[in-house]
């Protein structure tokens, strides 16, 4: 199975909402609060050659 990763429209308001939702869903996990790490992972997935 191949998964398509589409670009995100990097709207700051929407991004803040996603970050807040992640911390509400996983309040017990410290990595849920590491916003930059999540942004880096998604940027890497977006640019990876197999993401096409």
Protein backbone atom coordinates (compact mmCIF):
# COMPACT_ATOMS: atom_id res chain seq x y z
CA UNK A 1 0.00 0.00 0.00
CA UNK A 2 1.29 3.46 -0.87
CA UNK A 3 0.30 6.54 1.08
CA UNK A 4 0.08 9.97 -0.52
CA UNK A 5 1.37 12.89 1.55
CA UNK A 6 -0.08 16.15 0.33
CA UNK A 7 1.40 19.56 1.13
CA UNK A 8 -0.16 21.40 4.04
CA UNK A 9 -1.19 25.01 3.44
CA UNK A 10 0.89 26.16 6.47
CA UNK A 11 -1.80 28.53 7.72
CA UNK A 12 -0.48 29.67 11.14
CA UNK A 13 -3.93 29.63 12.72
CA UNK A 14 -4.64 26.08 11.54
CA UNK A 15 -1.17 24.93 12.62
CA UNK A 16 -1.71 26.30 16.15
CA UNK A 17 -5.01 24.43 16.30
CA UNK A 18 -3.33 21.17 15.29
CA UNK A 19 -0.59 21.70 17.89
CA UNK A 20 -3.17 22.36 20.60
CA UNK A 21 -5.25 19.33 19.59
CA UNK A 22 -2.18 17.09 19.83
CA UNK A 23 -1.47 18.27 23.39
CA UNK A 24 -5.11 17.74 24.38
CA UNK A 25 -5.14 14.20 22.97
CA UNK A 26 -1.76 13.19 24.41
CA UNK A 27 -1.27 15.30 27.58
CA UNK A 28 0.70 12.49 29.25
CA UNK A 29 3.32 12.32 26.47
CA UNK A 30 6.15 14.90 26.68
CA UNK A 31 6.80 14.73 22.92
CA UNK A 32 3.29 16.06 22.27
CA UNK A 33 4.55 19.44 23.48
CA UNK A 34 7.61 19.45 21.19
CA UNK A 35 6.06 21.45 18.36
CA UNK A 36 9.26 21.94 16.33
CA UNK A 37 9.97 18.20 16.26
CA UNK A 38 6.53 17.49 14.82
CA UNK A 39 6.91 20.26 12.24
CA UNK A 40 10.32 18.87 11.20
CA UNK A 41 8.96 15.33 10.82
CA UNK A 42 6.08 16.48 8.64
CA UNK A 43 8.37 18.68 6.52
CA UNK A 44 10.68 15.70 6.02
CA UNK A 45 7.77 13.44 5.03
CA UNK A 46 6.50 16.10 2.64
CA UNK A 47 9.87 16.36 0.89
CA UNK A 48 10.83 12.66 0.93
CA UNK A 49 11.13 11.08 -2.56
CA UNK A 50 8.78 8.23 -1.63
CA UNK A 51 6.05 10.72 -0.67
CA UNK A 52 5.18 11.32 -4.31
